[in-house]
Amino acid sequence: MPNYFDEYNTTVTFMEEEEFKAVHNKMPHGGFVM
């Protein structure tokens, strides 16, 4: 996908809906400008 993933090492992991909702239910983030 241009402008999103094409320039990165990207992994895609498929999972069941129940596991997805249990594990990926928060939205943390952050970062650095140096």
ModelCIF file with pLDDT and N, C-alpha, C, O atoms, coordinates in Angstrom:
data_MODEL
#
_entry.id   MODEL 
#
_entity.id                         1 
_entity.type                       polymer 
_entity.pdbx_number_of_molecules   1 
#
_entity_poly.entity_id                      1 
_entity_poly.type                           'polypeptide(L)' 
_entity_poly.nstd_linkage                   no 
_entity_poly.nstd_monomer                   no 
_entity_poly.pdbx_seq_one_letter_code       MPNYFDEYNTTVTFMEEEEFKAVHNKMPHGGFVM 
_entity_poly.pdbx_seq_one_letter_code_can   MPNYFDEYNTTVTFMEEEEFKAVHNKMPHGGFVM 
_entity_poly.pdbx_strand_id                 A 
#
loop_
_entity_poly_seq.entity_id 
_entity_poly_seq.num 
_entity_poly_seq.mon_id 
_entity_poly_seq.hetero 
1 1  MET n 
1 2  PRO n 
1 3  ASN n 
1 4  TYR n 
1 5  PHE n 
1 6  ASP n 
1 7  GLU n 
1 8  TYR n 
1 9  ASN n 
1 10 THR n 
1 11 THR n 
1 12 VAL n 
1 13 THR n 
1 14 PHE n 
1 15 MET n 
1 16 GLU n 
1 17 GLU n 
1 18 GLU n 
1 19 GLU n 
1 20 PHE n 
1 21 LYS n 
1 22 ALA n 
1 23 VAL n 
1 24 HIS n 
1 25 ASN n 
1 26 LYS n 
1 27 MET n 
1 28 PRO n 
1 29 HIS n 
1 30 GLY n 
1 31 GLY n 
1 32 PHE n 
1 33 VAL n 
1 34 MET n 
#
_struct_asym.id          A 
_struct_asym.entity_id   1 
#
loop_
_ma_qa_metric.id 
_ma_qa_metric.mode 
_ma_qa_metric.name 
_ma_qa_metric.software_group_id 
_ma_qa_metric.type 
1 global pLDDT . pLDDT 
2 local  pLDDT . pLDDT 
#
_ma_qa_metric_global.metric_id      1 
_ma_qa_metric_global.metric_value   95.15 
_ma_qa_metric_global.model_id       1 
_ma_qa_metric_global.ordinal_id     1 
#
loop_
_ma_qa_metric_local.label_asym_id 
_ma_qa_metric_local.label_comp_id 
_ma_qa_metric_local.label_seq_id 
_ma_qa_metric_local.metric_id 
_ma_qa_metric_local.metric_value 
_ma_qa_metric_local.model_id 
_ma_qa_metric_local.ordinal_id 
A MET 1  2 97.00 1 1  
A PRO 2  2 94.00 1 2  
A ASN 3  2 87.00 1 3  
A TYR 4  2 93.00 1 4  
A PHE 5  2 96.00 1 5  
A ASP 6  2 95.00 1 6  
A GLU 7  2 95.00 1 7  
A TYR 8  2 96.00 1 8  
A ASN 9  2 95.00 1 9  
A THR 10 2 97.00 1 10 
A THR 11 2 97.00 1 11 
A VAL 12 2 98.00 1 12 
A THR 13 2 98.00 1 13 
A PHE 14 2 98.00 1 14 
A MET 15 2 97.00 1 15 
A GLU 16 2 97.00 1 16 
A GLU 17 2 97.00 1 17 
A GLU 18 2 96.00 1 18 
A GLU 19 2 97.00 1 19 
A PHE 20 2 97.00 1 20 
A LYS 21 2 96.00 1 21 
A ALA 22 2 96.00 1 22 
A VAL 23 2 95.00 1 23 
A HIS 24 2 95.00 1 24 
A ASN 25 2 90.00 1 25 
A LYS 26 2 89.00 1 26 
A MET 27 2 89.00 1 27 
A PRO 28 2 93.00 1 28 
A HIS 29 2 94.00 1 29 
A GLY 30 2 94.00 1 30 
A GLY 31 2 96.00 1 31 
A PHE 32 2 96.00 1 32 
A VAL 33 2 98.00 1 33 
A MET 34 2 97.00 1 34 
#
loop_
_atom_site.group_PDB 
_atom_site.id 
_atom_site.type_symbol 
_atom_site.label_atom_id 
_atom_site.label_alt_id 
_atom_site.label_comp_id 
_atom_site.label_asym_id 
_atom_site.label_entity_id 
_atom_site.label_seq_id 
_atom_site.pdbx_PDB_ins_code 
_atom_site.Cartn_x 
_atom_site.Cartn_y 
_atom_site.Cartn_z 
_atom_site.occupancy 
_atom_site.B_iso_or_equiv 
_atom_site.pdbx_formal_charge 
_atom_site.auth_seq_id 
_atom_site.auth_comp_id 
_atom_site.auth_asym_id 
_atom_site.auth_atom_id 
_atom_site.pdbx_PDB_model_num 
ATOM 1   N N  . MET A 1 1  ? 0.827   -1.208  0.000  1.00 97.00 ? 1  MET A N  1 
ATOM 2   C CA . MET A 1 1  ? 0.000   0.000   0.000  1.00 97.00 ? 1  MET A CA 1 
ATOM 3   C C  . MET A 1 1  ? 0.864   1.263   0.000  1.00 97.00 ? 1  MET A C  1 
ATOM 4   O O  . MET A 1 1  ? 1.631   1.478   0.938  1.00 97.00 ? 1  MET A O  1 
ATOM 5   N N  . PRO A 1 2  ? 0.754   2.105   -1.039 1.00 94.00 ? 2  PRO A N  1 
ATOM 6   C CA . PRO A 1 2  ? 1.574   3.322   -1.100 1.00 94.00 ? 2  PRO A CA 1 
ATOM 7   C C  . PRO A 1 2  ? 1.251   4.274   0.051  1.00 94.00 ? 2  PRO A C  1 
ATOM 8   O O  . PRO A 1 2  ? 0.104   4.379   0.486  1.00 94.00 ? 2  PRO A O  1 
ATOM 9   N N  . ASN A 1 3  ? 2.280   4.961   0.531  1.00 87.00 ? 3  ASN A N  1 
ATOM 10  C CA . ASN A 1 3  ? 2.181   5.966   1.597  1.00 87.00 ? 3  ASN A CA 1 
ATOM 11  C C  . ASN A 1 3  ? 1.900   5.371   2.972  1.00 87.00 ? 3  ASN A C  1 
ATOM 12  O O  . ASN A 1 3  ? 1.868   6.103   3.961  1.00 87.00 ? 3  ASN A O  1 
ATOM 13  N N  . TYR A 1 4  ? 1.695   4.061   3.054  1.00 93.00 ? 4  TYR A N  1 
ATOM 14  C CA . TYR A 1 4  ? 1.381   3.438   4.333  1.00 93.00 ? 4  TYR A CA 1 
ATOM 15  C C  . TYR A 1 4  ? 2.369   2.325   4.698  1.00 93.00 ? 4  TYR A C  1 
ATOM 16  O O  . TYR A 1 4  ? 2.966   2.361   5.775  1.00 93.00 ? 4  TYR A O  1 
ATOM 17  N N  . PHE A 1 5  ? 2.546   1.337   3.813  1.00 96.00 ? 5  PHE A N  1 
ATOM 18  C CA . PHE A 1 5  ? 3.328   0.152   4.188  1.00 96.00 ? 5  PHE A CA 1 
ATOM 19  C C  . PHE A 1 5  ? 4.431   -0.213  3.195  1.00 96.00 ? 5  PHE A C  1 
ATOM 20  O O  . PHE A 1 5  ? 5.312   -1.005  3.532  1.00 96.00 ? 5  PHE A O  1 
ATOM 21  N N  . ASP A 1 6  ? 4.407   0.333   1.998  1.00 95.00 ? 6  ASP A N  1 
ATOM 22  C CA . ASP A 1 6  ? 5.308   -0.174  0.955  1.00 95.00 ? 6  ASP A CA 1 
ATOM 23  C C  . ASP A 1 6  ? 6.784   0.075   1.251  1.00 95.00 ? 6  ASP A C  1 
ATOM 24  O O  . ASP A 1 6  ? 7.643   -0.622  0.710  1.00 95.00 ? 6  ASP A O  1 
ATOM 25  N N  . GLU A 1 7  ? 7.095   1.056   2.100  1.00 95.00 ? 7  GLU A N  1 
ATOM 26  C CA . GLU A 1 7  ? 8.502   1.375   2.377  1.00 95.00 ? 7  GLU A CA 1 
ATOM 27  C C  . GLU A 1 7  ? 9.003   0.760   3.680  1.00 95.00 ? 7  GLU A C  1 
ATOM 28  O O  . GLU A 1 7  ? 10.110  1.069   4.122  1.00 95.00 ? 7  GLU A O  1 
ATOM 29  N N  . TYR A 1 8  ? 8.204   -0.104  4.297  1.00 96.00 ? 8  TYR A N  1 
ATOM 30  C CA . TYR A 1 8  ? 8.550   -0.662  5.608  1.00 96.00 ? 8  TYR A CA 1 
ATOM 31  C C  . TYR A 1 8  ? 8.609   -2.191  5.551  1.00 96.00 ? 8  TYR A C  1 
ATOM 32  O O  . TYR A 1 8  ? 7.984   -2.823  4.699  1.00 96.00 ? 8  TYR A O  1 
ATOM 33  N N  . ASN A 1 9  ? 9.374   -2.765  6.477  1.00 95.00 ? 9  ASN A N  1 
ATOM 34  C CA . ASN A 1 9  ? 9.236   -4.187  6.743  1.00 95.00 ? 9  ASN A CA 1 
ATOM 35  C C  . ASN A 1 9  ? 7.936   -4.368  7.522  1.00 95.00 ? 9  ASN A C  1 
ATOM 36  O O  . ASN A 1 9  ? 7.807   -3.887  8.648  1.00 95.00 ? 9  ASN A O  1 
ATOM 37  N N  . THR A 1 10 ? 6.991   -5.052  6.923  1.00 97.00 ? 10 THR A N  1 
ATOM 38  C CA . THR A 1 10 ? 5.640   -5.163  7.468  1.00 97.00 ? 10 THR A CA 1 
ATOM 39  C C  . THR A 1 10 ? 5.274   -6.627  7.663  1.00 97.00 ? 10 THR A C  1 
ATOM 40  O O  . THR A 1 10 ? 5.497   -7.456  6.781  1.00 97.00 ? 10 THR A O  1 
ATOM 41  N N  . THR A 1 11 ? 4.716   -6.935  8.817  1.00 97.00 ? 11 THR A N  1 
ATOM 42  C CA . THR A 1 11 ? 4.201   -8.283  9.061  1.00 97.00 ? 11 THR A CA 1 
ATOM 43  C C  . THR A 1 11 ? 2.684   -8.220  9.144  1.00 97.00 ? 11 THR A C  1 
ATOM 44  O O  . THR A 1 11 ? 2.126   -7.260  9.676  1.00 97.00 ? 11 THR A O  1 
ATOM 45  N N  . VAL A 1 12 ? 2.021   -9.235  8.624  1.00 98.00 ? 12 VAL A N  1 
ATOM 46  C CA . VAL A 1 12 ? 0.561   -9.346  8.687  1.00 98.00 ? 12 VAL A CA 1 
ATOM 47  C C  . VAL A 1 12 ? 0.230   -10.674 9.363  1.00 98.00 ? 12 VAL A C  1 
ATOM 48  O O  . VAL A 1 12 ? 0.565   -11.739 8.844  1.00 98.00 ? 12 VAL A O  1 
ATOM 49  N N  . THR A 1 13 ? -0.423  -10.610 10.517 1.00 98.00 ? 13 THR A N  1 
ATOM 50  C CA . THR A 1 13 ? -0.789  -11.797 11.275 1.00 98.00 ? 13 THR A CA 1 
ATOM 51  C C  . THR A 1 13 ? -2.308  -11.916 11.295 1.00 98.00 ? 13 THR A C  1 
ATOM 52  O O  . THR A 1 13 ? -3.006  -10.998 11.727 1.00 98.00 ? 13 THR A O  1 
ATOM 53  N N  . PHE A 1 14 ? -2.811  -13.049 10.827 1.00 98.00 ? 14 PHE A N  1 
ATOM 54  C CA . PHE A 1 14 ? -4.250  -13.294 10.828 1.00 98.00 ? 14 PHE A CA 1 
ATOM 55  C C  . PHE A 1 14 ? -4.643  -14.024 12.111 1.00 98.00 ? 14 PHE A C  1 
ATOM 56  O O  . PHE A 1 14 ? -3.913  -14.893 12.589 1.00 98.00 ? 14 PHE A O  1 
ATOM 57  N N  . MET A 1 15 ? -5.785  -13.670 12.654 1.00 97.00 ? 15 MET A N  1 
ATOM 58  C CA . MET A 1 15 ? -6.221  -14.278 13.913 1.00 97.00 ? 15 MET A CA 1 
ATOM 59  C C  . MET A 1 15 ? -7.742  -14.335 13.962 1.00 97.00 ? 15 MET A C  1 
ATOM 60  O O  . MET A 1 15 ? -8.434  -13.706 13.162 1.00 97.00 ? 15 MET A O  1 
ATOM 61  N N  . GLU A 1 16 ? -8.239  -15.105 14.920 1.00 97.00 ? 16 GLU A N  1 
ATOM 62  C CA . GLU A 1 16 ? -9.675  -15.215 15.093 1.00 97.00 ? 16 GLU A CA 1 
ATOM 63  C C  . GLU A 1 16 ? -10.228 -13.972 15.797 1.00 97.00 ? 16 GLU A C  1 
ATOM 64  O O  . GLU A 1 16 ? -9.517  -13.290 16.534 1.00 97.00 ? 16 GLU A O  1 
ATOM 65  N N  . GLU A 1 17 ? -11.501 -13.698 15.555 1.00 97.00 ? 17 GLU A N  1 
ATOM 66  C CA . GLU A 1 17 ? -12.122 -12.485 16.088 1.00 97.00 ? 17 GLU A CA 1 
ATOM 67  C C  . GLU A 1 17 ? -12.082 -12.436 17.615 1.00 97.00 ? 17 GLU A C  1 
ATOM 68  O O  . GLU A 1 17 ? -11.821 -11.379 18.189 1.00 97.00 ? 17 GLU A O  1 
ATOM 69  N N  . GLU A 1 18 ? -12.330 -13.538 18.266 1.00 96.00 ? 18 GLU A N  1 
ATOM 70  C CA . GLU A 1 18 ? -12.351 -13.555 19.731 1.00 96.00 ? 18 GLU A CA 1 
ATOM 71  C C  . GLU A 1 18 ? -10.993 -13.181 20.310 1.00 96.00 ? 18 GLU A C  1 
ATOM 72  O O  . GLU A 1 18 ? -10.909 -12.394 21.253 1.00 96.00 ? 18 GLU A O  1 
ATOM 73  N N  . GLU A 1 19 ? -9.937  -13.746 19.747 1.00 97.00 ? 19 GLU A N  1 
ATOM 74  C CA . GLU A 1 19 ? -8.592  -13.426 20.227 1.00 97.00 ? 19 GLU A CA 1 
ATOM 75  C C  . GLU A 1 19 ? -8.248  -11.963 19.931 1.00 97.00 ? 19 GLU A C  1 
ATOM 76  O O  . GLU A 1 19 ? -7.657  -11.281 20.768 1.00 97.00 ? 19 GLU A O  1 
ATOM 77  N N  . PHE A 1 20 ? -8.616  -11.492 18.757 1.00 97.00 ? 20 PHE A N  1 
ATOM 78  C CA . PHE A 1 20 ? -8.345  -10.100 18.367 1.00 97.00 ? 20 PHE A CA 1 
ATOM 79  C C  . PHE A 1 20 ? -8.961  -9.128  19.376 1.00 97.00 ? 20 PHE A C  1 
ATOM 80  O O  . PHE A 1 20 ? -8.300  -8.201  19.843 1.00 97.00 ? 20 PHE A O  1 
ATOM 81  N N  . LYS A 1 21 ? -10.230 -9.351  19.702 1.00 96.00 ? 21 LYS A N  1 
ATOM 82  C CA . LYS A 1 21 ? -10.925 -8.436  20.608 1.00 96.00 ? 21 LYS A CA 1 
ATOM 83  C C  . LYS A 1 21 ? -10.372 -8.501  22.027 1.00 96.00 ? 21 LYS A C  1 
ATOM 84  O O  . LYS A 1 21 ? -10.431 -7.516  22.764 1.00 96.00 ? 21 LYS A O  1 
ATOM 85  N N  . ALA A 1 22 ? -9.836  -9.658  22.412 1.00 96.00 ? 22 ALA A N  1 
ATOM 86  C CA . ALA A 1 22 ? -9.276  -9.797  23.758 1.00 96.00 ? 22 ALA A CA 1 
ATOM 87  C C  . ALA A 1 22 ? -7.906  -9.153  23.878 1.00 96.00 ? 22 ALA A C  1 
ATOM 88  O O  . ALA A 1 22 ? -7.564  -8.615  24.931 1.00 96.00 ? 22 ALA A O  1 
ATOM 89  N N  . VAL A 1 23 ? -7.114  -9.204  22.803 1.00 95.00 ? 23 VAL A N  1 
ATOM 90  C CA . VAL A 1 23 ? -5.717  -8.758  22.868 1.00 95.00 ? 23 VAL A CA 1 
ATOM 91  C C  . VAL A 1 23 ? -5.549  -7.322  22.381 1.00 95.00 ? 23 VAL A C  1 
ATOM 92  O O  . VAL A 1 23 ? -4.766  -6.560  22.947 1.00 95.00 ? 23 VAL A O  1 
ATOM 93  N N  . HIS A 1 24 ? -6.278  -6.958  21.343 1.00 95.00 ? 24 HIS A N  1 
ATOM 94  C CA . HIS A 1 24 ? -6.042  -5.668  20.683 1.00 95.00 ? 24 HIS A CA 1 
ATOM 95  C C  . HIS A 1 24 ? -7.199  -4.705  20.936 1.00 95.00 ? 24 HIS A C  1 
ATOM 96  O O  . HIS A 1 24 ? -7.831  -4.218  19.998 1.00 95.00 ? 24 HIS A O  1 
ATOM 97  N N  . ASN A 1 25 ? -7.466  -4.438  22.202 1.00 90.00 ? 25 ASN A N  1 
ATOM 98  C CA . ASN A 1 25 ? -8.611  -3.604  22.578 1.00 90.00 ? 25 ASN A CA 1 
ATOM 99  C C  . ASN A 1 25 ? -8.210  -2.269  23.182 1.00 90.00 ? 25 ASN A C  1 
ATOM 100 O O  . ASN A 1 25 ? -9.051  -1.576  23.756 1.00 90.00 ? 25 ASN A O  1 
ATOM 101 N N  . LYS A 1 26 ? -6.950  -1.897  23.065 1.00 89.00 ? 26 LYS A N  1 
ATOM 102 C CA . LYS A 1 26 ? -6.487  -0.596  23.556 1.00 89.00 ? 26 LYS A CA 1 
ATOM 103 C C  . LYS A 1 26 ? -5.750  0.126   22.440 1.00 89.00 ? 26 LYS A C  1 
ATOM 104 O O  . LYS A 1 26 ? -5.397  -0.484  21.430 1.00 89.00 ? 26 LYS A O  1 
ATOM 105 N N  . MET A 1 27 ? -5.512  1.430   22.616 1.00 89.00 ? 27 MET A N  1 
ATOM 106 C CA . MET A 1 27 ? -4.892  2.212   21.551 1.00 89.00 ? 27 MET A CA 1 
ATOM 107 C C  . MET A 1 27 ? -3.748  3.076   22.083 1.00 89.00 ? 27 MET A C  1 
ATOM 108 O O  . MET A 1 27 ? -3.820  4.302   22.010 1.00 89.00 ? 27 MET A O  1 
ATOM 109 N N  . PRO A 1 28 ? -2.690  2.449   22.618 1.00 93.00 ? 28 PRO A N  1 
ATOM 110 C CA . PRO A 1 28 ? -1.541  3.232   23.075 1.00 93.00 ? 28 PRO A CA 1 
ATOM 111 C C  . PRO A 1 28 ? -0.719  3.736   21.891 1.00 93.00 ? 28 PRO A C  1 
ATOM 112 O O  . PRO A 1 28 ? -0.832  3.216   20.781 1.00 93.00 ? 28 PRO A O  1 
ATOM 113 N N  . HIS A 1 29 ? 0.089   4.730   22.130 1.00 94.00 ? 29 HIS A N  1 
ATOM 114 C CA . HIS A 1 29 ? 1.034   5.182   21.104 1.00 94.00 ? 29 HIS A CA 1 
ATOM 115 C C  . HIS A 1 29 ? 2.054   6.105   21.758 1.00 94.00 ? 29 HIS A C  1 
ATOM 116 O O  . HIS A 1 29 ? 2.097   6.250   22.979 1.00 94.00 ? 29 HIS A O  1 
ATOM 117 N N  . GLY A 1 30 ? 2.863   6.716   20.921 1.00 94.00 ? 30 GLY A N  1 
ATOM 118 C CA . GLY A 1 30 ? 3.897   7.623   21.404 1.00 94.00 ? 30 GLY A CA 1 
ATOM 119 C C  . GLY A 1 30 ? 4.982   7.763   20.369 1.00 94.00 ? 30 GLY A C  1 
ATOM 120 O O  . GLY A 1 30 ? 4.810   7.384   19.210 1.00 94.00 ? 30 GLY A O  1 
ATOM 121 N N  . GLY A 1 31 ? 6.116   8.316   20.799 1.00 96.00 ? 31 GLY A N  1 
ATOM 122 C CA . GLY A 1 31 ? 7.212   8.464   19.853 1.00 96.00 ? 31 GLY A CA 1 
ATOM 123 C C  . GLY A 1 31 ? 8.195   9.526   20.285 1.00 96.00 ? 31 GLY A C  1 
ATOM 124 O O  . GLY A 1 31 ? 8.114   10.074  21.385 1.00 96.00 ? 31 GLY A O  1 
ATOM 125 N N  . PHE A 1 32 ? 9.136   9.806   19.381 1.00 96.00 ? 32 PHE A N  1 
ATOM 126 C CA . PHE A 1 32 ? 10.243  10.713  19.673 1.00 96.00 ? 32 PHE A CA 1 
ATOM 127 C C  . PHE A 1 32 ? 10.521  11.604  18.470 1.00 96.00 ? 32 PHE A C  1 
ATOM 128 O O  . PHE A 1 32 ? 10.466  11.152  17.327 1.00 96.00 ? 32 PHE A O  1 
ATOM 129 N N  . VAL A 1 33 ? 10.818  12.873  18.736 1.00 98.00 ? 33 VAL A N  1 
ATOM 130 C CA . VAL A 1 33 ? 11.444  13.751  17.752 1.00 98.00 ? 33 VAL A CA 1 
ATOM 131 C C  . VAL A 1 33 ? 12.821  14.086  18.291 1.00 98.00 ? 33 VAL A C  1 
ATOM 132 O O  . VAL A 1 33 ? 12.959  14.560  19.419 1.00 98.00 ? 33 VAL A O  1 
ATOM 133 N N  . MET A 1 34 ? 13.840  13.837  17.479 1.00 97.00 ? 34 MET A N  1 
ATOM 134 C CA . MET A 1 34 ? 15.217  14.013  17.928 1.00 97.00 ? 34 MET A CA 1 
ATOM 135 C C  . MET A 1 34 ? 15.977  14.862  16.912 1.00 97.00 ? 34 MET A C  1 
ATOM 136 O O  . MET A 1 34 ? 17.164  15.132  17.098 1.00 97.00 ? 34 MET A O  1 
#
